[in-house]
């Protein structure tokens, strides 16, 4: 076990415990979960600053203000063993999961088997987990969690989660089992003896947690109405979700909306399949962490199979979006030729008022002529670009300011990440201008059109 303390009654006791254990230390809420109530303290001043805050987090979230200290491992991996016990002393282990990819101590990606462990380490972890579970005649599904110190190849007991974990699906995919069914069968007295189960792991599985949150705004929750939900179907792909188009994401609960799990014979194939599945998933109406997950899958720590609990701190998120700081009078998305042929069911035609100007803008950028663009009526929006882009503004004459400097219409304009583009008030003839972007706008089709 990691060196640590008993429950701490006050700050003075915490200071003495930290001096004994040696900085850095982790200050933890005894009732915490999901990364809540954990603070790394590298010196006494940080411990002094965090102590009351962690106690409050525990009290507010779990009705338990108890805290303790344990040694903090700088380059740690979070490994866990799935166990299942019959309550009569028989316990089996279903491999080792790696849950090291975390943000603020909250798991983001999980996989099994854990990659690139030293020879014999997986067997040692499973043996330790089984020994612990047998000692208490453990019954049903549970998870024994460990901290693995990559520097000296040693593991330390962390905790036991006496429940089903969010990431149990990767174990099910690799071992070909249904843990929920086992739990029900055991409770009903219908479970086969564990010693009779012929189980053998095959392949590799990786899970991504899809959240309704905005990585570009410090991961703030993004509640709202989902107007489009479309997940792909593919061999080896499992999607656990509760959402569909028309669902309202509330602001009151954890914002997870889906778990995407891929299984493949090799880790590399599972990683590439998960990246493809995320790319092919469409969710509109709220912001999600989909692109953030895709970037993690391509980043060196995970792609190379050497993740650790703070590897995401060096990942710089790039959002392929622009923010609407001011919307203008009546700015809308239009494509060409628009939505036609639905008068009979009461849907009037949609599309650009000046289709020639929209098509000209797309031609300047090398887009297909009907690509979706912003149609600007009378006065335009103020936009901030989160990534580099190339745009063209066509149609009725309108003043353009790029970072407060005038720029011309009817030409391809390079916009750098972080820049602001202001479209003013239309002057002269015409009432519609068009802002086209190279590659078009990603918005869902409805009745055959993005308008």
Protein backbone atom coordinates (compact mmCIF):
# COMPACT_ATOMS: atom_id res chain seq x y z
CA UNK A 1 0.00 0.00 0.00
CA UNK A 2 1.01 3.61 -0.51
CA UNK A 3 2.36 5.25 2.61
CA UNK A 4 -0.32 7.48 4.08
CA UNK A 5 -2.32 8.53 7.11
CA UNK A 6 -5.44 7.73 9.05
CA UNK A 7 -8.39 10.11 8.86
CA UNK A 8 -7.25 13.62 9.75
CA UNK A 9 -9.20 15.73 12.20
CA UNK A 10 -7.55 19.06 11.53
CA UNK A 11 -4.90 20.92 9.55
CA UNK A 12 -2.20 20.43 12.20
CA UNK A 13 -2.62 16.65 11.97
CA UNK A 14 -2.44 16.89 8.18
CA UNK A 15 0.80 18.89 8.34
CA UNK A 16 2.40 16.30 10.64
CA UNK A 17 1.27 13.45 8.38
CA UNK A 18 2.62 15.17 5.26
CA UNK A 19 5.99 15.75 6.92
CA UNK A 20 6.15 12.07 7.84
CA UNK A 21 5.12 10.79 4.40
CA UNK A 22 7.16 13.37 2.49
CA UNK A 23 6.01 15.80 -0.18
CA UNK A 24 4.43 15.66 -2.68
CA UNK A 25 1.31 14.16 -1.13
CA UNK A 26 -2.24 13.59 -2.30
CA UNK A 27 -4.97 14.99 -0.04
CA UNK A 28 -8.09 12.89 -0.56
CA UNK A 29 -11.68 12.79 0.57
CA UNK A 30 -12.39 9.38 2.11
CA UNK A 31 -15.83 9.33 0.48
CA UNK A 32 -14.69 10.76 -2.87
CA UNK A 33 -15.33 9.35 -6.31
CA UNK A 34 -14.98 10.35 -9.95
CA UNK A 35 -11.93 12.46 -9.14
CA UNK A 36 -13.86 14.68 -6.71
CA UNK A 37 -12.03 15.64 -3.54
CA UNK A 38 -8.42 15.04 -4.60
CA UNK A 39 -5.61 17.61 -4.50
CA UNK A 40 -1.88 17.24 -5.10
CA UNK A 41 0.07 19.23 -2.50
CA UNK A 42 3.75 19.76 -3.28
CA UNK A 43 4.55 21.76 -0.14
CA UNK A 44 3.01 22.86 3.16
CA UNK A 45 1.56 26.07 1.73
CA UNK A 46 -0.51 24.11 -0.81
CA UNK A 47 -1.72 21.72 1.88
CA UNK A 48 -2.75 24.68 4.03
CA UNK A 49 -4.64 26.15 1.10
CA UNK A 50 -6.40 22.91 0.07
CA UNK A 51 -7.32 21.30 3.38
CA UNK A 52 -10.62 23.07 4.09
CA UNK A 53 -11.63 23.03 0.41
CA UNK A 54 -11.28 19.24 0.13
CA UNK A 55 -13.24 18.75 3.37
CA UNK A 56 -16.03 20.94 1.97
CA UNK A 57 -16.07 19.00 -1.31
CA UNK A 58 -16.47 15.75 0.59
CA UNK A 59 -19.24 17.14 2.76
CA UNK A 60 -21.12 18.79 -0.11
CA UNK A 61 -20.87 15.88 -2.55
CA UNK A 62 -20.86 12.83 -0.28
CA UNK A 63 -22.07 14.07 3.13
CA UNK A 64 -18.70 13.02 4.57
CA UNK A 65 -15.94 15.52 5.36
CA UNK A 66 -13.31 12.90 6.22
CA UNK A 67 -9.90 13.38 4.58
CA UNK A 68 -6.56 11.58 4.59
CA UNK A 69 -3.12 11.86 3.01
CA UNK A 70 -1.14 9.41 0.93
CA UNK A 71 2.14 9.49 -0.97
CA UNK A 72 1.81 11.00 -4.44
CA UNK A 73 3.43 9.09 -7.33
CA UNK A 74 4.71 11.54 -9.96
CA UNK A 75 4.54 9.26 -13.03
CA UNK A 76 1.66 6.97 -12.15
CA UNK A 77 -0.60 4.68 -14.11
CA UNK A 78 -4.08 3.81 -12.86
CA UNK A 79 -4.57 0.06 -13.24
CA UNK A 80 -7.51 -2.00 -12.06
CA UNK A 81 -8.52 -5.65 -11.95
CA UNK A 82 -12.08 -6.79 -12.60
CA UNK A 83 -13.01 -9.47 -10.07
CA UNK A 84 -16.10 -11.58 -9.57
CA UNK A 85 -16.79 -13.57 -6.42
CA UNK A 86 -19.46 -16.05 -5.37
CA UNK A 87 -19.50 -15.00 -1.70
CA UNK A 88 -18.24 -18.40 -0.61
CA UNK A 89 -14.54 -17.86 -1.12
CA UNK A 90 -14.27 -18.44 -4.86
CA UNK A 91 -13.07 -15.45 -6.89
CA UNK A 92 -11.91 -15.02 -10.49
CA UNK A 93 -10.07 -12.11 -12.12
CA UNK A 94 -10.88 -10.89 -15.63
CA UNK A 95 -7.67 -9.16 -16.59
CA UNK A 96 -6.21 -5.71 -16.04
CA UNK A 97 -7.73 -2.46 -17.28
CA UNK A 98 -5.67 0.68 -17.83
CA UNK A 99 -7.57 3.83 -16.83
CA UNK A 100 -4.59 6.19 -16.81
CA UNK A 101 -5.93 8.71 -19.33
CA UNK A 102 -7.59 11.15 -16.95
CA UNK A 103 -8.53 14.79 -16.75
CA UNK A 104 -8.67 16.23 -13.25
CA UNK A 105 -8.57 12.65 -11.90
CA UNK A 106 -11.66 11.72 -13.96
CA UNK A 107 -11.24 8.81 -16.38
CA UNK A 108 -11.53 9.70 -20.08
CA UNK A 109 -10.32 6.60 -21.97
CA UNK A 110 -10.09 3.03 -20.65
CA UNK A 111 -8.71 -0.12 -22.21
CA UNK A 112 -7.91 -3.76 -21.59
CA UNK A 113 -5.51 -5.45 -21.51
CA UNK A 114 -3.24 -2.78 -20.05
CA UNK A 115 -0.47 -2.14 -22.60
CA UNK A 116 3.29 -2.38 -22.13
CA UNK A 117 3.40 -3.76 -18.60
CA UNK A 118 6.59 -5.46 -17.42
CA UNK A 119 6.60 -9.23 -17.83
CA UNK A 120 4.56 -10.92 -15.12
CA UNK A 121 3.04 -7.67 -13.84
CA UNK A 122 -0.50 -8.40 -15.04
CA UNK A 123 -0.41 -11.80 -13.33
CA UNK A 124 0.88 -10.21 -10.11
CA UNK A 125 -1.90 -7.62 -10.13
CA UNK A 126 -4.59 -10.25 -10.68
CA UNK A 127 -3.13 -12.46 -7.96
CA UNK A 128 -3.17 -9.57 -5.47
CA UNK A 129 -6.76 -8.71 -6.36
CA UNK A 130 -7.92 -12.31 -5.97
CA UNK A 131 -6.15 -12.66 -2.62
CA UNK A 132 -7.83 -9.52 -1.31
CA UNK A 133 -11.30 -10.52 -2.56
CA UNK A 134 -11.02 -14.05 -1.20
CA UNK A 135 -10.06 -12.70 2.23
CA UNK A 136 -13.51 -11.14 2.58
CA UNK A 137 -15.51 -13.80 0.67
CA UNK A 138 -16.31 -11.15 -1.92
CA UNK A 139 -19.67 -11.55 -3.66
CA UNK A 140 -20.66 -10.22 -7.12
CA UNK A 141 -18.70 -7.89 -9.43
CA UNK A 142 -16.07 -5.53 -8.11
CA UNK A 143 -12.90 -3.71 -9.06
CA UNK A 144 -9.59 -3.68 -7.21
CA UNK A 145 -7.68 -0.54 -8.17
CA UNK A 146 -3.95 0.04 -8.06
CA UNK A 147 -1.44 2.81 -8.64
CA UNK A 148 1.50 1.64 -10.75
CA UNK A 149 4.77 3.54 -10.42
CA UNK A 150 6.32 3.49 -13.90
CA UNK A 151 9.68 4.65 -12.54
CA UNK A 152 10.36 1.60 -10.37
CA UNK A 153 7.78 -0.88 -11.78
CA UNK A 154 5.96 -1.28 -8.45
CA UNK A 155 2.23 -1.25 -7.78
CA UNK A 156 0.32 -0.04 -4.73
CA UNK A 157 -3.20 -0.79 -3.59
CA UNK A 158 -5.57 2.13 -4.12
CA UNK A 159 -9.13 1.07 -3.33
CA UNK A 160 -11.91 -1.42 -4.03
CA UNK A 161 -15.02 -0.33 -5.88
CA UNK A 162 -17.75 -2.70 -4.72
CA UNK A 163 -19.92 -2.08 -7.75
CA UNK A 164 -19.95 -2.21 -11.51
CA UNK A 165 -17.59 0.35 -13.09
CA UNK A 166 -18.40 2.63 -16.00
CA UNK A 167 -15.60 0.90 -17.93
CA UNK A 168 -16.81 -2.67 -17.37
CA UNK A 169 -17.74 -2.88 -21.06
CA UNK A 170 -14.15 -3.22 -22.27
CA UNK A 171 -13.73 -6.28 -20.05
CA UNK A 172 -16.95 -7.78 -21.40
CA UNK A 173 -15.78 -7.30 -25.00
CA UNK A 174 -12.40 -8.96 -24.44
CA UNK A 175 -13.60 -11.82 -22.23
CA UNK A 176 -16.93 -12.45 -23.98
CA UNK A 177 -18.99 -12.18 -20.80
CA UNK A 178 -21.98 -10.22 -19.53
CA UNK A 179 -21.18 -9.01 -16.01
CA UNK A 180 -24.66 -7.61 -15.39
CA UNK A 181 -26.21 -10.97 -16.27
CA UNK A 182 -23.76 -12.69 -13.91
CA UNK A 183 -24.74 -10.34 -11.08
CA UNK A 184 -28.44 -11.06 -11.59
CA UNK A 185 -27.88 -14.81 -11.90
CA UNK A 186 -25.77 -14.86 -8.73
CA UNK A 187 -28.44 -12.97 -6.80
CA UNK A 188 -31.10 -15.38 -8.10
CA UNK A 189 -29.05 -18.45 -7.17
CA UNK A 190 -28.70 -19.45 -10.83
CA UNK A 191 -24.97 -18.75 -11.35
CA UNK A 192 -22.76 -21.64 -12.46
CA UNK A 193 -19.78 -22.36 -10.21
CA UNK A 194 -16.99 -20.00 -11.16
CA UNK A 195 -14.56 -22.90 -11.40
CA UNK A 196 -16.60 -24.33 -14.28
CA UNK A 197 -16.40 -21.21 -16.45
CA UNK A 198 -14.04 -21.71 -19.38
CA UNK A 199 -12.90 -18.15 -20.04
CA UNK A 200 -10.16 -16.92 -22.34
CA UNK A 201 -9.46 -13.29 -23.29
CA UNK A 202 -9.24 -12.35 -26.94
CA UNK A 203 -8.12 -9.14 -28.61
CA UNK A 204 -8.15 -5.59 -27.26
CA UNK A 205 -10.92 -3.16 -26.35
CA UNK A 206 -10.85 0.62 -25.80
CA UNK A 207 -13.62 2.86 -24.45
CA UNK A 208 -14.15 6.59 -24.87
CA UNK A 209 -16.52 8.56 -22.65
CA UNK A 210 -18.55 11.01 -24.69
CA UNK A 211 -19.65 14.04 -22.67
CA UNK A 212 -21.89 17.02 -23.32
CA UNK A 213 -19.19 19.51 -22.40
CA UNK A 214 -17.13 22.14 -24.19
CA UNK A 215 -13.36 21.51 -24.13
CA UNK A 216 -12.83 24.98 -25.60
CA UNK A 217 -14.43 26.56 -22.52
CA UNK A 218 -12.56 24.68 -19.82
CA UNK A 219 -14.94 21.72 -20.18
CA UNK A 220 -17.99 23.53 -18.90
CA UNK A 221 -21.19 21.43 -19.21
CA UNK A 222 -23.21 22.00 -22.36
CA UNK A 223 -26.87 21.30 -21.59
CA UNK A 224 -29.52 21.70 -24.26
CA UNK A 225 -31.63 19.94 -26.89
CA UNK A 226 -30.00 17.32 -29.10
CA UNK A 227 -31.34 18.02 -32.58
CA UNK A 228 -29.42 15.24 -34.34
CA UNK A 229 -27.91 12.01 -33.02
CA UNK A 230 -26.35 9.54 -35.44
CA UNK A 231 -23.88 6.89 -34.30
CA UNK A 232 -22.20 4.59 -36.84
CA UNK A 233 -22.58 0.84 -36.98
CA UNK A 234 -19.48 -1.28 -37.49
CA UNK A 235 -18.09 -4.70 -36.63
CA UNK A 236 -16.50 -4.65 -33.19
CA UNK A 237 -18.18 -1.36 -32.23
CA UNK A 238 -20.41 -1.18 -29.13
CA UNK A 239 -22.21 2.00 -28.15
CA UNK A 240 -23.86 2.32 -24.76
CA UNK A 241 -26.09 5.39 -24.74
CA UNK A 242 -29.41 6.78 -23.63
CA UNK A 243 -29.80 9.63 -26.11
CA UNK A 244 -31.55 10.16 -29.42
CA UNK A 245 -32.63 13.18 -31.41
CA UNK A 246 -35.06 15.23 -29.31
CA UNK A 247 -33.46 14.38 -25.96
CA UNK A 248 -32.81 17.24 -23.56
CA UNK A 249 -29.43 17.20 -21.81
CA UNK A 250 -30.13 18.60 -18.31
CA UNK A 251 -27.67 20.78 -16.39
CA UNK A 252 -28.16 18.94 -13.10
CA UNK A 253 -26.29 15.65 -13.58
CA UNK A 254 -23.08 14.13 -14.93
CA UNK A 255 -22.99 15.12 -18.63
CA UNK A 256 -22.00 11.69 -20.03
CA UNK A 257 -24.17 10.88 -23.02
CA UNK A 258 -22.52 7.77 -24.48
CA UNK A 259 -19.70 5.25 -24.20
CA UNK A 260 -18.09 4.17 -27.47
CA UNK A 261 -16.23 0.84 -27.22
CA UNK A 262 -14.23 -0.79 -29.99
CA UNK A 263 -12.89 -4.35 -30.01
CA UNK A 264 -10.27 -5.61 -32.44
CA UNK A 265 -7.63 -8.35 -32.54
CA UNK A 266 -4.89 -5.77 -31.85
CA UNK A 267 -4.63 -2.57 -29.80
CA UNK A 268 -3.63 -0.51 -32.81
CA UNK A 269 -6.65 -1.62 -34.80
CA UNK A 270 -8.96 -0.94 -31.85
CA UNK A 271 -7.45 2.56 -31.49
CA UNK A 272 -7.92 3.37 -35.18
CA UNK A 273 -11.45 1.94 -35.17
CA UNK A 274 -12.40 4.10 -32.18
CA UNK A 275 -11.01 7.20 -33.87
CA UNK A 276 -13.07 6.38 -36.95
CA UNK A 277 -16.20 5.73 -34.91
CA UNK A 278 -15.87 9.10 -33.19
CA UNK A 279 -15.28 10.82 -36.54
CA UNK A 280 -18.41 9.21 -37.97
CA UNK A 281 -20.59 10.10 -34.97
CA UNK A 282 -22.85 13.12 -35.41
CA UNK A 283 -24.32 15.00 -32.47
CA UNK A 284 -25.77 18.46 -32.92
CA UNK A 285 -27.50 20.87 -30.57
CA UNK A 286 -24.92 20.77 -27.77
CA UNK A 287 -21.14 20.85 -27.60
CA UNK A 288 -19.38 17.54 -26.92
CA UNK A 289 -15.84 16.36 -26.24
CA UNK A 290 -15.82 14.22 -29.42
CA UNK A 291 -12.92 16.03 -31.11
CA UNK A 292 -10.98 16.13 -27.84
CA UNK A 293 -11.23 12.34 -27.64
CA UNK A 294 -10.05 12.02 -31.23
CA UNK A 295 -7.00 14.16 -30.45
CA UNK A 296 -6.15 12.01 -27.41
CA UNK A 297 -6.25 8.86 -29.53
CA UNK A 298 -3.67 10.39 -31.89
CA UNK A 299 -1.45 11.91 -29.19
CA UNK A 300 1.86 10.18 -28.48
CA UNK A 301 1.25 8.95 -24.89
CA UNK A 302 -1.85 6.98 -25.81
CA UNK A 303 -0.97 6.08 -29.38
CA UNK A 304 2.36 4.64 -28.19
CA UNK A 305 0.74 2.68 -25.37
CA UNK A 306 2.43 4.60 -22.54
CA UNK A 307 -0.35 6.67 -20.92
CA UNK A 308 -0.08 8.06 -17.40
CA UNK A 309 -2.49 9.91 -15.18
CA UNK A 310 -1.31 13.42 -16.09
CA UNK A 311 -0.49 12.92 -19.75
CA UNK A 312 -3.40 15.13 -20.84
CA UNK A 313 -1.89 18.17 -19.16
CA UNK A 314 0.41 18.60 -22.16
CA UNK A 315 -2.36 18.18 -24.74
CA UNK A 316 -3.41 21.47 -26.36
CA UNK A 317 -6.99 21.15 -27.57
CA UNK A 318 -7.71 22.54 -31.04
CA UNK A 319 -11.36 23.27 -31.77
CA UNK A 320 -12.29 23.38 -35.46
CA UNK A 321 -14.99 25.93 -34.77
CA UNK A 322 -15.78 29.61 -34.66
CA UNK A 323 -17.73 31.34 -31.92
CA UNK A 324 -20.59 33.70 -32.62
CA UNK A 325 -19.92 36.72 -30.40
CA UNK A 326 -22.73 38.71 -32.02
CA UNK A 327 -25.23 37.14 -34.40
CA UNK A 328 -26.22 40.05 -36.63
CA UNK A 329 -29.77 40.85 -37.73
CA UNK A 330 -30.84 37.55 -39.29
CA UNK A 331 -27.83 35.36 -39.95
CA UNK A 332 -28.69 31.83 -41.10
CA UNK A 333 -27.10 28.74 -42.65
CA UNK A 334 -28.02 28.13 -46.28
CA UNK A 335 -26.89 25.68 -48.93
CA UNK A 336 -27.64 25.35 -52.65
CA UNK A 337 -30.08 24.45 -54.09
CA UNK A 338 -31.71 24.26 -50.66
CA UNK A 339 -34.77 22.34 -49.52
CA UNK A 340 -37.14 21.79 -52.41
CA UNK A 341 -40.15 19.64 -53.23
CA UNK A 342 -41.97 19.62 -49.89
CA UNK A 343 -44.72 22.18 -50.53
CA UNK A 344 -47.22 19.32 -50.62
CA UNK A 345 -46.59 18.58 -46.95
CA UNK A 346 -46.44 22.23 -45.87
CA UNK A 347 -42.66 22.82 -45.95
CA UNK A 348 -41.81 25.90 -48.04
CA UNK A 349 -38.62 26.03 -50.12
CA UNK A 350 -35.37 26.92 -48.35
CA UNK A 351 -32.00 28.01 -49.68
CA UNK A 352 -29.98 31.11 -50.52
CA UNK A 353 -31.76 34.26 -51.67
CA UNK A 354 -28.78 35.00 -53.94
CA UNK A 355 -27.60 31.57 -55.06
CA UNK A 356 -25.11 33.06 -57.52
CA UNK A 357 -23.23 34.90 -54.77
CA UNK A 358 -23.10 31.76 -52.56
CA UNK A 359 -21.83 29.63 -55.44
CA UNK A 360 -19.22 32.27 -56.33
CA UNK A 361 -17.89 32.24 -52.76
CA UNK A 362 -17.62 28.46 -52.79
CA UNK A 363 -15.84 28.57 -56.15
CA UNK A 364 -13.26 31.01 -54.77
CA UNK A 365 -12.47 28.52 -52.00
CA UNK A 366 -12.48 25.33 -54.08
CA UNK A 367 -15.64 24.02 -52.41
CA UNK A 368 -18.44 22.22 -54.16
CA UNK A 369 -20.83 24.89 -55.37
CA UNK A 370 -23.66 24.02 -53.00
CA UNK A 371 -21.62 23.89 -49.76
CA UNK A 372 -23.37 25.42 -46.74
CA UNK A 373 -22.44 29.00 -45.81
CA UNK A 374 -23.68 31.85 -43.63
CA UNK A 375 -26.29 34.08 -45.24
CA UNK A 376 -26.16 37.63 -43.82
CA UNK A 377 -29.19 39.91 -43.89
CA UNK A 378 -28.75 43.69 -43.47
CA UNK A 379 -26.09 43.55 -40.74
CA UNK A 380 -23.56 40.83 -40.07
CA UNK A 381 -22.13 38.88 -37.13
CA UNK A 382 -18.94 39.16 -35.11
CA UNK A 383 -17.06 35.85 -35.15
CA UNK A 384 -14.01 34.56 -33.29
CA UNK A 385 -12.13 31.70 -34.96
CA UNK A 386 -10.77 28.91 -32.76
CA UNK A 387 -8.64 27.53 -35.59
CA UNK A 388 -7.04 28.81 -38.77
CA UNK A 389 -9.49 29.12 -41.65
CA UNK A 390 -9.85 30.44 -45.18
CA UNK A 391 -13.04 32.38 -45.94
CA UNK A 392 -14.60 34.46 -48.69
CA UNK A 393 -17.40 37.03 -48.42
CA UNK A 394 -19.54 37.64 -51.50
CA UNK A 395 -22.88 39.23 -52.42
CA UNK A 396 -24.08 42.67 -51.36
CA UNK A 397 -21.40 45.14 -50.34
CA UNK A 398 -20.57 44.89 -46.63
CA UNK A 399 -17.60 46.26 -44.65
CA UNK A 400 -15.23 43.62 -43.26
CA UNK A 401 -12.81 44.01 -40.36
CA UNK A 402 -10.27 41.30 -39.53
CA UNK A 403 -8.85 42.08 -36.10
CA UNK A 404 -10.03 45.70 -36.64
CA UNK A 405 -8.25 45.98 -40.02
CA UNK A 406 -10.29 46.39 -43.25
CA UNK A 407 -10.13 43.42 -45.65
CA UNK A 408 -11.66 43.01 -49.13
CA UNK A 409 -14.66 41.03 -50.30
CA UNK A 410 -14.66 38.53 -53.18
CA UNK A 411 -11.27 37.05 -52.35
CA UNK A 412 -9.93 34.18 -50.27
CA UNK A 413 -8.93 35.50 -46.82
CA UNK A 414 -6.62 33.64 -44.44
CA UNK A 415 -7.77 33.90 -40.81
CA UNK A 416 -5.49 32.81 -37.98
CA UNK A 417 -6.66 31.01 -34.84
CA UNK A 418 -7.89 33.53 -32.27
CA UNK A 419 -8.68 36.24 -34.83
CA UNK A 420 -12.00 38.08 -34.99
CA UNK A 421 -13.93 38.80 -38.16
CA UNK A 422 -16.56 41.55 -38.05
CA UNK A 423 -19.14 41.94 -40.80
CA UNK A 424 -20.79 45.34 -40.65
CA UNK A 425 -23.98 46.78 -42.18
CA UNK A 426 -24.86 46.26 -45.84
CA UNK A 427 -24.31 49.32 -48.03
CA UNK A 428 -25.79 50.01 -51.46
CA UNK A 429 -27.86 47.59 -53.52
CA UNK A 430 -28.78 44.14 -52.30
CA UNK A 431 -29.80 42.71 -48.94
CA UNK A 432 -27.82 39.45 -48.69
CA UNK A 433 -24.12 38.69 -48.28
CA UNK A 434 -22.49 35.28 -47.86
CA UNK A 435 -19.63 34.09 -45.67
CA UNK A 436 -18.22 30.90 -47.16
CA UNK A 437 -15.55 28.77 -45.45
CA UNK A 438 -13.11 26.41 -47.12
CA UNK A 439 -14.52 22.94 -46.52
CA UNK A 440 -18.00 24.30 -45.80
CA UNK A 441 -19.95 24.21 -42.54
CA UNK A 442 -20.63 20.96 -40.71
CA UNK A 443 -24.35 20.98 -39.97
CA UNK A 444 -26.82 18.10 -40.28
CA UNK A 445 -29.07 17.55 -43.28
CA UNK A 446 -32.80 17.88 -42.74
CA UNK A 447 -35.13 16.86 -45.58
CA UNK A 448 -32.19 16.81 -47.93
CA UNK A 449 -30.70 20.22 -47.12
CA UNK A 450 -28.50 21.96 -44.57
CA UNK A 451 -30.50 25.20 -44.88
